[in-house]
PDB file of N, CA and C in Angstrom:
ATOM      1  N   MET A   1     -18.562  -1.900 -11.151  1.00  0.00           N
ATOM      2  CA  MET A   1     -18.491  -0.936 -10.071  1.00  0.00           C
ATOM      3  C   MET A   1     -18.390   0.462 -10.678  1.00  0.00           C
ATOM      4  N   ASP A   2     -19.161   1.356 -10.187  1.00  0.00           N
ATOM      5  CA  ASP A   2     -19.117   2.751 -10.618  1.00  0.00           C
ATOM      6  C   ASP A   2     -17.872   3.387 -10.012  1.00  0.00           C
ATOM      7  N   VAL A   3     -17.199   4.234 -10.775  1.00  0.00           N
ATOM      8  CA  VAL A   3     -15.979   4.879 -10.284  1.00  0.00           C
ATOM      9  C   VAL A   3     -16.237   5.681  -9.009  1.00  0.00           C
ATOM     10  N   ASP A   4     -17.455   6.143  -8.813  1.00  0.00           N
ATOM     11  CA  ASP A   4     -17.786   6.904  -7.607  1.00  0.00           C
ATOM     12  C   ASP A   4     -18.249   6.014  -6.454  1.00  0.00           C
ATOM     13  N   ASP A   5     -18.316   4.718  -6.674  1.00  0.00           N
ATOM     14  CA  ASP A   5     -18.775   3.788  -5.648  1.00  0.00           C
ATOM     15  C   ASP A   5     -17.629   3.505  -4.685  1.00  0.00           C
ATOM     16  N   MET A   6     -17.720   4.019  -3.488  1.00  0.00           N
ATOM     17  CA  MET A   6     -16.660   3.844  -2.504  1.00  0.00           C
ATOM     18  C   MET A   6     -17.007   2.744  -1.490  1.00  0.00           C
ATOM     19  N   SER A   7     -17.866   1.809  -1.899  1.00  0.00           N
ATOM     20  CA  SER A   7     -18.318   0.790  -0.964  1.00  0.00           C
ATOM     21  C   SER A   7     -17.277  -0.297  -0.707  1.00  0.00           C
ATOM     22  N   TYR A   8     -16.266  -0.426  -1.552  1.00  0.00           N
ATOM     23  CA  TYR A   8     -15.244  -1.445  -1.342  1.00  0.00           C
ATOM     24  C   TYR A   8     -14.457  -1.108  -0.085  1.00  0.00           C
ATOM     25  N   GLU A   9     -14.530  -1.988   0.885  1.00  0.00           N
ATOM     26  CA  GLU A   9     -13.886  -1.730   2.179  1.00  0.00           C
ATOM     27  C   GLU A   9     -12.470  -2.260   2.258  1.00  0.00           C
ATOM     28  N   GLY A  10     -12.059  -3.002   1.272  1.00  0.00           N
ATOM     29  CA  GLY A  10     -10.710  -3.553   1.278  1.00  0.00           C
ATOM     30  C   GLY A  10     -10.709  -5.042   1.499  1.00  0.00           C
ATOM     31  N   GLU A  11      -9.582  -5.629   1.265  1.00  0.00           N
ATOM     32  CA  GLU A  11      -9.400  -7.075   1.414  1.00  0.00           C
ATOM     33  C   GLU A  11      -8.960  -7.361   2.851  1.00  0.00           C
ATOM     34  N   PRO A  12      -9.788  -8.099   3.607  1.00  0.00           N
ATOM     35  CA  PRO A  12      -9.416  -8.365   4.999  1.00  0.00           C
ATOM     36  C   PRO A  12      -8.228  -9.321   5.096  1.00  0.00           C
ATOM     37  N   ILE A  13      -7.353  -9.026   6.036  1.00  0.00           N
ATOM     38  CA  ILE A  13      -6.197  -9.884   6.295  1.00  0.00           C
ATOM     39  C   ILE A  13      -5.845  -9.781   7.774  1.00  0.00           C
ATOM     40  N   ASN A  14      -5.482 -10.900   8.352  1.00  0.00           N
ATOM     41  CA  ASN A  14      -5.090 -10.938   9.757  1.00  0.00           C
ATOM     42  C   ASN A  14      -3.577 -10.751   9.832  1.00  0.00           C
ATOM     43  N   LEU A  15      -3.171  -9.630  10.403  1.00  0.00           N
ATOM     44  CA  LEU A  15      -1.758  -9.335  10.592  1.00  0.00           C
ATOM     45  C   LEU A  15      -1.532  -8.961  12.045  1.00  0.00           C
ATOM     46  N   ASP A  16      -0.620  -9.630  12.683  1.00  0.00           N
ATOM     47  CA  ASP A  16      -0.318  -9.376  14.098  1.00  0.00           C
ATOM     48  C   ASP A  16      -1.553  -9.535  14.978  1.00  0.00           C
ATOM     49  N   GLY A  17      -2.405 -10.488  14.642  1.00  0.00           N
ATOM     50  CA  GLY A  17      -3.582 -10.749  15.457  1.00  0.00           C
ATOM     51  C   GLY A  17      -4.700  -9.733  15.305  1.00  0.00           C
ATOM     52  N   LYS A  18      -4.608  -8.867  14.299  1.00  0.00           N
ATOM     53  CA  LYS A  18      -5.626  -7.852  14.079  1.00  0.00           C
ATOM     54  C   LYS A  18      -6.092  -7.922  12.624  1.00  0.00           C
ATOM     55  N   ILE A  19      -7.398  -7.843  12.419  1.00  0.00           N
ATOM     56  CA  ILE A  19      -7.927  -7.813  11.062  1.00  0.00           C
ATOM     57  C   ILE A  19      -7.737  -6.413  10.499  1.00  0.00           C
ATOM     58  N   ARG A  20      -7.026  -6.351   9.400  1.00  0.00           N
ATOM     59  CA  ARG A  20      -6.804  -5.095   8.696  1.00  0.00           C
ATOM     60  C   ARG A  20      -7.412  -5.233   7.309  1.00  0.00           C
ATOM     61  N   HIS A  21      -7.498  -4.136   6.586  1.00  0.00           N
ATOM     62  CA  HIS A  21      -8.110  -4.159   5.255  1.00  0.00           C
ATOM     63  C   HIS A  21      -7.179  -3.491   4.253  1.00  0.00           C
ATOM     64  N   ILE A  22      -6.711  -4.278   3.288  1.00  0.00           N
ATOM     65  CA  ILE A  22      -5.846  -3.745   2.243  1.00  0.00           C
ATOM     66  C   ILE A  22      -6.740  -3.090   1.195  1.00  0.00           C
ATOM     67  N   LYS A  23      -6.494  -1.811   0.969  1.00  0.00           N
ATOM     68  CA  LYS A  23      -7.278  -1.044   0.004  1.00  0.00           C
ATOM     69  C   LYS A  23      -6.379   0.038  -0.573  1.00  0.00           C
ATOM     70  N   TYR A  24      -6.479   0.256  -1.852  1.00  0.00           N
ATOM     71  CA  TYR A  24      -5.601   1.221  -2.508  1.00  0.00           C
ATOM     72  C   TYR A  24      -6.342   2.508  -2.821  1.00  0.00           C
ATOM     73  N   ALA A  25      -6.168   3.479  -1.926  1.00  0.00           N
ATOM     74  CA  ALA A  25      -6.693   4.831  -2.111  1.00  0.00           C
ATOM     75  C   ALA A  25      -5.542   5.682  -2.688  1.00  0.00           C
ATOM     76  N   ILE A  26      -5.841   6.906  -3.025  1.00  0.00           N
ATOM     77  CA  ILE A  26      -4.865   7.780  -3.685  1.00  0.00           C
ATOM     78  C   ILE A  26      -3.520   7.891  -2.949  1.00  0.00           C
ATOM     79  N   PRO A  27      -3.478   8.090  -1.623  1.00  0.00           N
ATOM     80  CA  PRO A  27      -2.155   8.193  -0.979  1.00  0.00           C
ATOM     81  C   PRO A  27      -1.287   6.952  -1.205  1.00  0.00           C
ATOM     82  N   GLY A  28      -1.876   5.785  -1.107  1.00  0.00           N
ATOM     83  CA  GLY A  28      -1.122   4.552  -1.343  1.00  0.00           C
ATOM     84  C   GLY A  28      -0.713   4.391  -2.792  1.00  0.00           C
ATOM     85  N   LEU A  29      -1.611   4.749  -3.702  1.00  0.00           N
ATOM     86  CA  LEU A  29      -1.298   4.649  -5.129  1.00  0.00           C
ATOM     87  C   LEU A  29      -0.145   5.580  -5.510  1.00  0.00           C
ATOM     88  N   LYS A  30      -0.076   6.753  -4.863  1.00  0.00           N
ATOM     89  CA  LYS A  30       1.020   7.679  -5.131  1.00  0.00           C
ATOM     90  C   LYS A  30       2.356   7.093  -4.672  1.00  0.00           C
ATOM     91  N   ILE A  31       2.356   6.398  -3.561  1.00  0.00           N
ATOM     92  CA  ILE A  31       3.570   5.739  -3.062  1.00  0.00           C
ATOM     93  C   ILE A  31       4.038   4.693  -4.072  1.00  0.00           C
ATOM     94  N   ILE A  32       3.101   3.909  -4.588  1.00  0.00           N
ATOM     95  CA  ILE A  32       3.431   2.865  -5.563  1.00  0.00           C
ATOM     96  C   ILE A  32       3.972   3.487  -6.850  1.00  0.00           C
ATOM     97  N   ALA A  33       3.301   4.533  -7.339  1.00  0.00           N
ATOM     98  CA  ALA A  33       3.734   5.189  -8.576  1.00  0.00           C
ATOM     99  C   ALA A  33       5.138   5.778  -8.427  1.00  0.00           C
ATOM    100  N   LYS A  34       5.418   6.327  -7.267  1.00  0.00           N
ATOM    101  CA  LYS A  34       6.742   6.918  -7.031  1.00  0.00           C
ATOM    102  C   LYS A  34       7.826   5.837  -7.071  1.00  0.00           C
ATOM    103  N   LYS A  35       7.557   4.684  -6.491  1.00  0.00           N
ATOM    104  CA  LYS A  35       8.545   3.602  -6.425  1.00  0.00           C
ATOM    105  C   LYS A  35       8.740   2.911  -7.782  1.00  0.00           C
ATOM    106  N   PHE A  36       7.637   2.610  -8.471  1.00  0.00           N
ATOM    107  CA  PHE A  36       7.701   1.793  -9.686  1.00  0.00           C
ATOM    108  C   PHE A  36       7.601   2.586 -10.986  1.00  0.00           C
ATOM    109  N   GLY A  37       7.303   3.868 -10.897  1.00  0.00           N
ATOM    110  CA  GLY A  37       7.128   4.669 -12.099  1.00  0.00           C
ATOM    111  C   GLY A  37       5.669   4.823 -12.488  1.00  0.00           C
ATOM    112  N   SER A  38       4.859   3.836 -12.169  1.00  0.00           N
ATOM    113  CA  SER A  38       3.410   3.906 -12.371  1.00  0.00           C
ATOM    114  C   SER A  38       2.752   2.821 -11.525  1.00  0.00           C
ATOM    115  N   VAL A  39       1.495   3.022 -11.234  1.00  0.00           N
ATOM    116  CA  VAL A  39       0.742   2.040 -10.446  1.00  0.00           C
ATOM    117  C   VAL A  39       0.622   0.734 -11.218  1.00  0.00           C
ATOM    118  N   VAL A  40       0.299   0.839 -12.506  1.00  0.00           N
ATOM    119  CA  VAL A  40       0.126  -0.368 -13.327  1.00  0.00           C
ATOM    120  C   VAL A  40       1.419  -1.177 -13.352  1.00  0.00           C
ATOM    121  N   LYS A  41       2.550  -0.511 -13.530  1.00  0.00           N
ATOM    122  CA  LYS A  41       3.833  -1.215 -13.542  1.00  0.00           C
ATOM    123  C   LYS A  41       4.098  -1.875 -12.190  1.00  0.00           C
ATOM    124  N   GLY A  42       3.759  -1.214 -11.119  1.00  0.00           N
ATOM    125  CA  GLY A  42       3.957  -1.790  -9.790  1.00  0.00           C
ATOM    126  C   GLY A  42       3.208  -3.098  -9.606  1.00  0.00           C
ATOM    127  N   PHE A  43       1.970  -3.138 -10.055  1.00  0.00           N
ATOM    128  CA  PHE A  43       1.191  -4.357  -9.883  1.00  0.00           C
ATOM    129  C   PHE A  43       1.535  -5.420 -10.919  1.00  0.00           C
ATOM    130  N   LYS A  44       2.001  -5.011 -12.096  1.00  0.00           N
ATOM    131  CA  LYS A  44       2.508  -5.995 -13.062  1.00  0.00           C
ATOM    132  C   LYS A  44       3.763  -6.644 -12.498  1.00  0.00           C
ATOM    133  N   ASP A  45       4.647  -5.826 -11.929  1.00  0.00           N
ATOM    134  CA  ASP A  45       5.859  -6.360 -11.307  1.00  0.00           C
ATOM    135  C   ASP A  45       5.506  -7.287 -10.146  1.00  0.00           C
ATOM    136  N   MET A  46       4.476  -6.942  -9.404  1.00  0.00           N
ATOM    137  CA  MET A  46       4.043  -7.755  -8.266  1.00  0.00           C
ATOM    138  C   MET A  46       3.692  -9.167  -8.722  1.00  0.00           C
ATOM    139  N   LYS A  47       3.011  -9.261  -9.848  1.00  0.00           N
ATOM    140  CA  LYS A  47       2.563 -10.575 -10.337  1.00  0.00           C
ATOM    141  C   LYS A  47       3.722 -11.442 -10.806  1.00  0.00           C
ATOM    142  N   THR A  48       4.869 -10.821 -11.085  1.00  0.00           N
ATOM    143  CA  THR A  48       6.014 -11.596 -11.569  1.00  0.00           C
ATOM    144  C   THR A  48       7.173 -11.597 -10.576  1.00  0.00           C
ATOM    145  N   MET A  49       6.931 -11.137  -9.354  1.00  0.00           N
ATOM    146  CA  MET A  49       8.012 -11.098  -8.366  1.00  0.00           C
ATOM    147  C   MET A  49       8.506 -12.507  -8.058  1.00  0.00           C
ATOM    148  N   ASN A  50       9.754 -12.561  -7.673  1.00  0.00           N
ATOM    149  CA  ASN A  50      10.412 -13.803  -7.319  1.00  0.00           C
ATOM    150  C   ASN A  50       9.741 -14.414  -6.087  1.00  0.00           C
ATOM    151  N   GLN A  51       9.174 -15.595  -6.277  1.00  0.00           N
ATOM    152  CA  GLN A  51       8.494 -16.265  -5.172  1.00  0.00           C
ATOM    153  C   GLN A  51       9.470 -16.863  -4.161  1.00  0.00           C
ATOM    154  N   ASP A  52      10.766 -16.727  -4.416  1.00  0.00           N
ATOM    155  CA  ASP A  52      11.773 -17.181  -3.449  1.00  0.00           C
ATOM    156  C   ASP A  52      11.998 -16.145  -2.358  1.00  0.00           C
ATOM    157  N   PHE A  53      11.336 -15.001  -2.488  1.00  0.00           N
ATOM    158  CA  PHE A  53      11.409 -13.934  -1.499  1.00  0.00           C
ATOM    159  C   PHE A  53      12.836 -13.444  -1.266  1.00  0.00           C
ATOM    160  N   ASP A  54      13.454 -12.970  -2.344  1.00  0.00           N
ATOM    161  CA  ASP A  54      14.756 -12.332  -2.194  1.00  0.00           C
ATOM    162  C   ASP A  54      14.556 -10.952  -1.577  1.00  0.00           C
ATOM    163  N   GLU A  55      15.650 -10.243  -1.333  1.00  0.00           N
ATOM    164  CA  GLU A  55      15.561  -8.955  -0.624  1.00  0.00           C
ATOM    165  C   GLU A  55      14.696  -7.943  -1.376  1.00  0.00           C
ATOM    166  N   GLU A  56      14.871  -7.853  -2.702  1.00  0.00           N
ATOM    167  CA  GLU A  56      14.079  -6.899  -3.486  1.00  0.00           C
ATOM    168  C   GLU A  56      12.586  -7.242  -3.428  1.00  0.00           C
ATOM    169  N   THR A  57      12.272  -8.509  -3.513  1.00  0.00           N
ATOM    170  CA  THR A  57      10.875  -8.932  -3.446  1.00  0.00           C
ATOM    171  C   THR A  57      10.269  -8.586  -2.092  1.00  0.00           C
ATOM    172  N   MET A  58      11.006  -8.833  -1.027  1.00  0.00           N
ATOM    173  CA  MET A  58      10.481  -8.521   0.303  1.00  0.00           C
ATOM    174  C   MET A  58      10.302  -7.013   0.486  1.00  0.00           C
ATOM    175  N   ASP A  59      11.230  -6.221  -0.044  1.00  0.00           N
ATOM    176  CA  ASP A  59      11.083  -4.767   0.022  1.00  0.00           C
ATOM    177  C   ASP A  59       9.846  -4.305  -0.751  1.00  0.00           C
ATOM    178  N   ASN A  60       9.661  -4.846  -1.955  1.00  0.00           N
ATOM    179  CA  ASN A  60       8.511  -4.464  -2.775  1.00  0.00           C
ATOM    180  C   ASN A  60       7.196  -4.917  -2.146  1.00  0.00           C
ATOM    181  N   LEU A  61       7.184  -6.119  -1.603  1.00  0.00           N
ATOM    182  CA  LEU A  61       5.990  -6.627  -0.932  1.00  0.00           C
ATOM    183  C   LEU A  61       5.635  -5.747   0.265  1.00  0.00           C
ATOM    184  N   THR A  62       6.630  -5.364   1.036  1.00  0.00           N
ATOM    185  CA  THR A  62       6.416  -4.486   2.190  1.00  0.00           C
ATOM    186  C   THR A  62       5.830  -3.151   1.743  1.00  0.00           C
ATOM    187  N   LEU A  63       6.395  -2.571   0.693  1.00  0.00           N
ATOM    188  CA  LEU A  63       5.910  -1.280   0.209  1.00  0.00           C
ATOM    189  C   LEU A  63       4.464  -1.382  -0.300  1.00  0.00           C
ATOM    190  N   LEU A  64       4.155  -2.431  -1.058  1.00  0.00           N
ATOM    191  CA  LEU A  64       2.796  -2.589  -1.575  1.00  0.00           C
ATOM    192  C   LEU A  64       1.789  -2.815  -0.448  1.00  0.00           C
ATOM    193  N   LEU A  65       2.193  -3.574   0.560  1.00  0.00           N
ATOM    194  CA  LEU A  65       1.310  -3.781   1.702  1.00  0.00           C
ATOM    195  C   LEU A  65       1.119  -2.479   2.472  1.00  0.00           C
ATOM    196  N   TYR A  66       2.200  -1.776   2.714  1.00  0.00           N
ATOM    197  CA  TYR A  66       2.135  -0.480   3.393  1.00  0.00           C
ATOM    198  C   TYR A  66       1.193   0.469   2.649  1.00  0.00           C
ATOM    199  N   ALA A  67       1.354   0.551   1.336  1.00  0.00           N
ATOM    200  CA  ALA A  67       0.515   1.437   0.521  1.00  0.00           C
ATOM    201  C   ALA A  67      -0.963   1.047   0.613  1.00  0.00           C
ATOM    202  N   GLY A  68      -1.227  -0.221   0.821  1.00  0.00           N
ATOM    203  CA  GLY A  68      -2.605  -0.684   0.926  1.00  0.00           C
ATOM    204  C   GLY A  68      -3.204  -0.575   2.318  1.00  0.00           C
ATOM    205  N   LEU A  69      -2.367  -0.326   3.314  1.00  0.00           N
ATOM    206  CA  LEU A  69      -2.864  -0.238   4.697  1.00  0.00           C
ATOM    207  C   LEU A  69      -2.958   1.188   5.240  1.00  0.00           C
ATOM    208  N   ILE A  70      -2.269   2.137   4.632  1.00  0.00           N
ATOM    209  CA  ILE A  70      -2.231   3.474   5.228  1.00  0.00           C
ATOM    210  C   ILE A  70      -3.582   4.172   5.221  1.00  0.00           C
ATOM    211  N   HIS A  71      -4.538   3.685   4.437  1.00  0.00           N
ATOM    212  CA  HIS A  71      -5.875   4.295   4.480  1.00  0.00           C
ATOM    213  C   HIS A  71      -6.527   4.083   5.844  1.00  0.00           C
ATOM    214  N   GLU A  72      -6.120   3.040   6.562  1.00  0.00           N
ATOM    215  CA  GLU A  72      -6.670   2.765   7.891  1.00  0.00           C
ATOM    216  C   GLU A  72      -5.951   3.531   9.000  1.00  0.00           C
ATOM    217  N   ASP A  73      -4.666   3.796   8.787  1.00  0.00           N
ATOM    218  CA  ASP A  73      -3.868   4.431   9.829  1.00  0.00           C
ATOM    219  C   ASP A  73      -2.757   5.249   9.174  1.00  0.00           C
ATOM    220  N   ALA A  74      -2.974   6.532   9.037  1.00  0.00           N
ATOM    221  CA  ALA A  74      -2.015   7.414   8.369  1.00  0.00           C
ATOM    222  C   ALA A  74      -0.691   7.511   9.128  1.00  0.00           C
ATOM    223  N   LYS A  75      -0.676   7.130  10.402  1.00  0.00           N
ATOM    224  CA  LYS A  75       0.548   7.192  11.193  1.00  0.00           C
ATOM    225  C   LYS A  75       1.378   5.914  11.083  1.00  0.00           C
ATOM    226  N   MET A  76       0.847   4.906  10.386  1.00  0.00           N
ATOM    227  CA  MET A  76       1.564   3.651  10.215  1.00  0.00           C
ATOM    228  C   MET A  76       2.857   3.909   9.445  1.00  0.00           C
ATOM    229  N   THR A  77       3.907   3.192   9.818  1.00  0.00           N
ATOM    230  CA  THR A  77       5.188   3.343   9.122  1.00  0.00           C
ATOM    231  C   THR A  77       5.496   2.088   8.326  1.00  0.00           C
ATOM    232  N   ILE A  78       6.401   2.223   7.397  1.00  0.00           N
ATOM    233  CA  ILE A  78       6.808   1.064   6.606  1.00  0.00           C
ATOM    234  C   ILE A  78       7.514   0.040   7.504  1.00  0.00           C
ATOM    235  N   ASP A  79       8.215   0.500   8.540  1.00  0.00           N
ATOM    236  CA  ASP A  79       8.856  -0.421   9.488  1.00  0.00           C
ATOM    237  C   ASP A  79       7.818  -1.239  10.251  1.00  0.00           C
ATOM    238  N   THR A  80       6.720  -0.596  10.626  1.00  0.00           N
ATOM    239  CA  THR A  80       5.642  -1.307  11.315  1.00  0.00           C
ATOM    240  C   THR A  80       5.097  -2.415  10.427  1.00  0.00           C
ATOM    241  N   VAL A  81       4.876  -2.085   9.162  1.00  0.00           N
ATOM    242  CA  VAL A  81       4.335  -3.065   8.212  1.00  0.00           C
ATOM    243  C   VAL A  81       5.341  -4.190   7.986  1.00  0.00           C
ATOM    244  N   GLU A  82       6.605  -3.837   7.856  1.00  0.00           N
ATOM    245  CA  GLU A  82       7.643  -4.848   7.642  1.00  0.00           C
ATOM    246  C   GLU A  82       7.658  -5.862   8.786  1.00  0.00           C
ATOM    247  N   ASN A  83       7.423  -5.388   9.996  1.00  0.00           N
ATOM    248  CA  ASN A  83       7.403  -6.285  11.156  1.00  0.00           C
ATOM    249  C   ASN A  83       6.149  -7.155  11.218  1.00  0.00           C
ATOM    250  N   MET A  84       5.140  -6.837  10.418  1.00  0.00           N
ATOM    251  CA  MET A  84       3.933  -7.669  10.347  1.00  0.00           C
ATOM    252  C   MET A  84       4.137  -8.879   9.434  1.00  0.00           C
ATOM    253  N   LEU A  85       5.127  -8.798   8.545  1.00  0.00           N
ATOM    254  CA  LEU A  85       5.352  -9.865   7.575  1.00  0.00           C
ATOM    255  C   LEU A  85       6.208 -10.973   8.157  1.00  0.00           C
ATOM    256  N   THR A  86       5.816 -12.185   7.862  1.00  0.00           N
ATOM    257  CA  THR A  86       6.585 -13.364   8.248  1.00  0.00           C
ATOM    258  C   THR A  86       6.715 -14.268   7.028  1.00  0.00           C
ATOM    259  N   ILE A  87       7.636 -15.179   7.076  1.00  0.00           N
ATOM    260  CA  ILE A  87       7.802 -16.127   5.981  1.00  0.00           C
ATOM    261  C   ILE A  87       6.521 -16.948   5.781  1.00  0.00           C
ATOM    262  N   THR A  88       5.781 -17.136   6.853  1.00  0.00           N
ATOM    263  CA  THR A  88       4.539 -17.902   6.791  1.00  0.00           C
ATOM    264  C   THR A  88       3.416 -17.145   6.115  1.00  0.00           C
ATOM    265  N   ASN A  89       3.286 -15.839   6.373  1.00  0.00           N
ATOM    266  CA  ASN A  89       2.138 -15.107   5.829  1.00  0.00           C
ATOM    267  C   ASN A  89       2.412 -14.426   4.485  1.00  0.00           C
ATOM    268  N   MET A  90       3.670 -14.431   4.022  1.00  0.00           N
ATOM    269  CA  MET A  90       3.986 -13.724   2.781  1.00  0.00           C
ATOM    270  C   MET A  90       3.214 -14.242   1.561  1.00  0.00           C
ATOM    271  N   PRO A  91       3.073 -15.551   1.355  1.00  0.00           N
ATOM    272  CA  PRO A  91       2.283 -15.992   0.187  1.00  0.00           C
ATOM    273  C   PRO A  91       0.831 -15.495   0.242  1.00  0.00           C
ATOM    274  N   ASP A  92       0.221 -15.501   1.421  1.00  0.00           N
ATOM    275  CA  ASP A  92      -1.147 -15.005   1.572  1.00  0.00           C
ATOM    276  C   ASP A  92      -1.204 -13.502   1.317  1.00  0.00           C
ATOM    277  N   VAL A  93      -0.211 -12.774   1.807  1.00  0.00           N
ATOM    278  CA  VAL A  93      -0.155 -11.325   1.588  1.00  0.00           C
ATOM    279  C   VAL A  93      -0.073 -11.037   0.093  1.00  0.00           C
ATOM    280  N   PHE A  94       0.751 -11.786  -0.642  1.00  0.00           N
ATOM    281  CA  PHE A  94       0.841 -11.632  -2.098  1.00  0.00           C
ATOM    282  C   PHE A  94      -0.551 -11.686  -2.723  1.00  0.00           C
ATOM    283  N   GLN A  95      -1.291 -12.739  -2.410  1.00  0.00           N
ATOM    284  CA  GLN A  95      -2.613 -12.934  -3.010  1.00  0.00           C
ATOM    285  C   GLN A  95      -3.596 -11.845  -2.590  1.00  0.00           C
ATOM    286  N   LYS A  96      -3.560 -11.469  -1.325  1.00  0.00           N
ATOM    287  CA  LYS A  96      -4.484 -10.448  -0.826  1.00  0.00           C
ATOM    288  C   LYS A  96      -4.208  -9.083  -1.472  1.00  0.00           C
ATOM    289  N   ILE A  97      -2.937  -8.774  -1.718  1.00  0.00           N
ATOM    290  CA  ILE A  97      -2.591  -7.510  -2.367  1.00  0.00           C
ATOM    291  C   ILE A  97      -3.178  -7.465  -3.772  1.00  0.00           C
ATOM    292  N   ILE A  98      -3.017  -8.536  -4.521  1.00  0.00           N
ATOM    293  CA  ILE A  98      -3.553  -8.581  -5.881  1.00  0.00           C
ATOM    294  C   ILE A  98      -5.071  -8.463  -5.865  1.00  0.00           C
ATOM    295  N   THR A  99      -5.731  -9.193  -4.966  1.00  0.00           N
ATOM    296  CA  THR A  99      -7.190  -9.128  -4.847  1.00  0.00           C
ATOM    297  C   THR A  99      -7.636  -7.718  -4.464  1.00  0.00           C
ATOM    298  N   ALA A 100      -6.924  -7.101  -3.533  1.00  0.00           N
ATOM    299  CA  ALA A 100      -7.277  -5.743  -3.088  1.00  0.00           C
ATOM    300  C   ALA A 100      -7.103  -4.731  -4.207  1.00  0.00           C
ATOM    301  N   PHE A 101      -6.040  -4.880  -4.983  1.00  0.00           N
ATOM    302  CA  PHE A 101      -5.840  -3.943  -6.086  1.00  0.00           C
ATOM    303  C   PHE A 101      -6.986  -4.061  -7.092  1.00  0.00           C
ATOM    304  N   ASN A 102      -7.362  -5.279  -7.413  1.00  0.00           N
ATOM    305  CA  ASN A 102      -8.485  -5.484  -8.334  1.00  0.00           C
ATOM    306  C   ASN A 102      -9.778  -4.923  -7.764  1.00  0.00           C
ATOM    307  N   GLY A 103      -9.992  -5.055  -6.467  1.00  0.00           N
ATOM    308  CA  GLY A 103     -11.196  -4.527  -5.830  1.00  0.00           C
ATOM    309  C   GLY A 103     -11.191  -3.019  -5.683  1.00  0.00           C
ATOM    310  N   SER A 104     -10.007  -2.422  -5.663  1.00  0.00           N
ATOM    311  CA  SER A 104      -9.886  -0.978  -5.477  1.00  0.00           C
ATOM    312  C   SER A 104     -10.000  -0.198  -6.777  1.00  0.00           C
ATOM    313  N   THR A 105      -9.953  -0.890  -7.905  1.00  0.00           N
ATOM    314  CA  THR A 105     -10.032  -0.201  -9.185  1.00  0.00           C
ATOM    315  C   THR A 105     -11.395  -0.417  -9.813  1.00  0.00           C
ATOM    316  N   PRO A 106     -11.933   0.596 -10.450  1.00  0.00           N
ATOM    317  CA  PRO A 106     -13.251   0.459 -11.067  1.00  0.00           C
ATOM    318  C   PRO A 106     -13.222  -0.569 -12.188  1.00  0.00           C
ATOM    319  N   GLN A 107     -14.224  -1.411 -12.205  1.00  0.00           N
ATOM    320  CA  GLN A 107     -14.370  -2.409 -13.254  1.00  0.00           C
ATOM    321  C   GLN A 107     -15.547  -2.001 -14.134  1.00  0.00           C
ATOM    322  N   PRO A 108     -15.434  -2.197 -15.442  1.00  0.00           N
ATOM    323  CA  PRO A 108     -16.574  -1.839 -16.303  1.00  0.00           C
ATOM    324  C   PRO A 108     -17.766  -2.723 -15.994  1.00  0.00           C
ATOM    325  N   GLU A 109     -18.936  -2.114 -16.055  1.00  0.00           N
ATOM    326  CA  GLU A 109     -20.143  -2.893 -15.823  1.00  0.00           C
ATOM    327  C   GLU A 109     -20.399  -3.750 -17.049  1.00  0.00           C
ATOM    328  N   GLU A 110     -21.132  -4.864 -16.862  1.00  0.00           N
ATOM    329  CA  GLU A 110     -21.363  -5.805 -17.944  1.00  0.00           C
ATOM    330  C   GLU A 110     -21.974  -5.138 -19.165  1.00  0.00           C
ATOM    331  N   ASN A 111     -22.961  -4.241 -18.980  1.00  0.00           N
ATOM    332  CA  ASN A 111     -23.591  -3.610 -20.131  1.00  0.00           C
ATOM    333  C   ASN A 111     -22.638  -2.655 -20.840  1.00  0.00           C
ATOM    334  N   GLU A 112     -21.640  -2.087 -20.116  1.00  0.00           N
ATOM    335  CA  GLU A 112     -20.643  -1.236 -20.759  1.00  0.00           C
ATOM    336  C   GLU A 112     -19.750  -2.058 -21.673  1.00  0.00           C
ATOM    337  N   VAL A 113     -19.386  -3.262 -21.232  1.00  0.00           N
ATOM    338  CA  VAL A 113     -18.544  -4.132 -22.026  1.00  0.00           C
ATOM    339  C   VAL A 113     -19.280  -4.542 -23.294  1.00  0.00           C
ATOM    340  N   SER A 114     -20.551  -4.939 -23.162  1.00  0.00           N
ATOM    341  CA  SER A 114     -21.294  -5.380 -24.342  1.00  0.00           C
ATOM    342  C   SER A 114     -21.551  -4.216 -25.288  1.00  0.00           C
ATOM    343  N   GLU A 115     -21.755  -3.001 -24.763  1.00  0.00           N
ATOM    344  CA  GLU A 115     -21.948  -1.840 -25.623  1.00  0.00           C
ATOM    345  C   GLU A 115     -20.694  -1.556 -26.431  1.00  0.00           C
ATOM    346  N   ASN A 116     -19.527  -1.760 -25.814  1.00  0.00           N
ATOM    347  CA  ASN A 116     -18.268  -1.511 -26.511  1.00  0.00           C
ATOM    348  C   ASN A 116     -18.008  -2.518 -27.615  1.00  0.00           C
ATOM    349  N   THR A 117     -18.533  -3.711 -27.482  1.00  0.00           N
ATOM    350  CA  THR A 117     -18.282  -4.739 -28.485  1.00  0.00           C
ATOM    351  C   THR A 117     -19.343  -4.778 -29.564  1.00  0.00           C
ATOM    352  N   GLU A 118     -20.499  -4.152 -29.311  1.00  0.00           N
ATOM    353  CA  GLU A 118     -21.545  -4.125 -30.324  1.00  0.00           C
ATOM    354  C   GLU A 118     -21.106  -3.237 -31.476  1.00  0.00           C
ATOM    355  N   GLY A 119     -21.433  -3.666 -32.683  1.00  0.00           N
ATOM    356  CA  GLY A 119     -21.142  -2.855 -33.846  1.00  0.00           C
ATOM    357  C   GLY A 119     -19.718  -2.978 -34.345  1.00  0.00           C
ATOM    358  N   GLU A 120     -18.858  -3.715 -33.603  1.00  0.00           N
ATOM    359  CA  GLU A 120     -17.508  -3.915 -34.068  1.00  0.00           C
ATOM    360  C   GLU A 120     -17.519  -4.978 -35.153  1.00  0.00           C
ATOM    361  N   THR A 121     -16.712  -4.812 -36.147  1.00  0.00           N
ATOM    362  CA  THR A 121     -16.602  -5.818 -37.189  1.00  0.00           C
ATOM    363  C   THR A 121     -15.177  -6.301 -37.233  1.00  0.00           C
ATOM    364  N   ARG A 122     -15.023  -7.540 -37.597  1.00  0.00           N
ATOM    365  CA  ARG A 122     -13.680  -8.108 -37.720  1.00  0.00           C
ATOM    366  C   ARG A 122     -13.385  -8.347 -39.183  1.00  0.00           C
ATOM    367  N   ASP A 123     -12.162  -8.076 -39.568  1.00  0.00           N
ATOM    368  CA  ASP A 123     -11.759  -8.297 -40.954  1.00  0.00           C
ATOM    369  C   ASP A 123     -11.363  -9.730 -41.170  1.00  0.00           C
TER     370      ASP A 123
END
């Protein structure tokens, strides 16, 4: 994906009977960076969060979901998002957040990867 390619519409998810799209644009990424210190740290922490859904995990999950939804509705609040989460949909939300983050970040094209590895020598 080219860094200027804005065709990624987000990861669809049904919350409260409405299809929404989790996508990480700059406003959401800034929220994540503020909470975790950096965006990368936020998503690394996400992958290792307690699957028992303790209070900290639920707070972090709510924040990451909120950050991924505000591109659709700037007036959305974190309380609104928190009320969309249920014990039933939390595992799916976890997976959709990770998928959306991967889809929202530019990936190197195949020829860029092969160009980077050409000419390298191993000792």
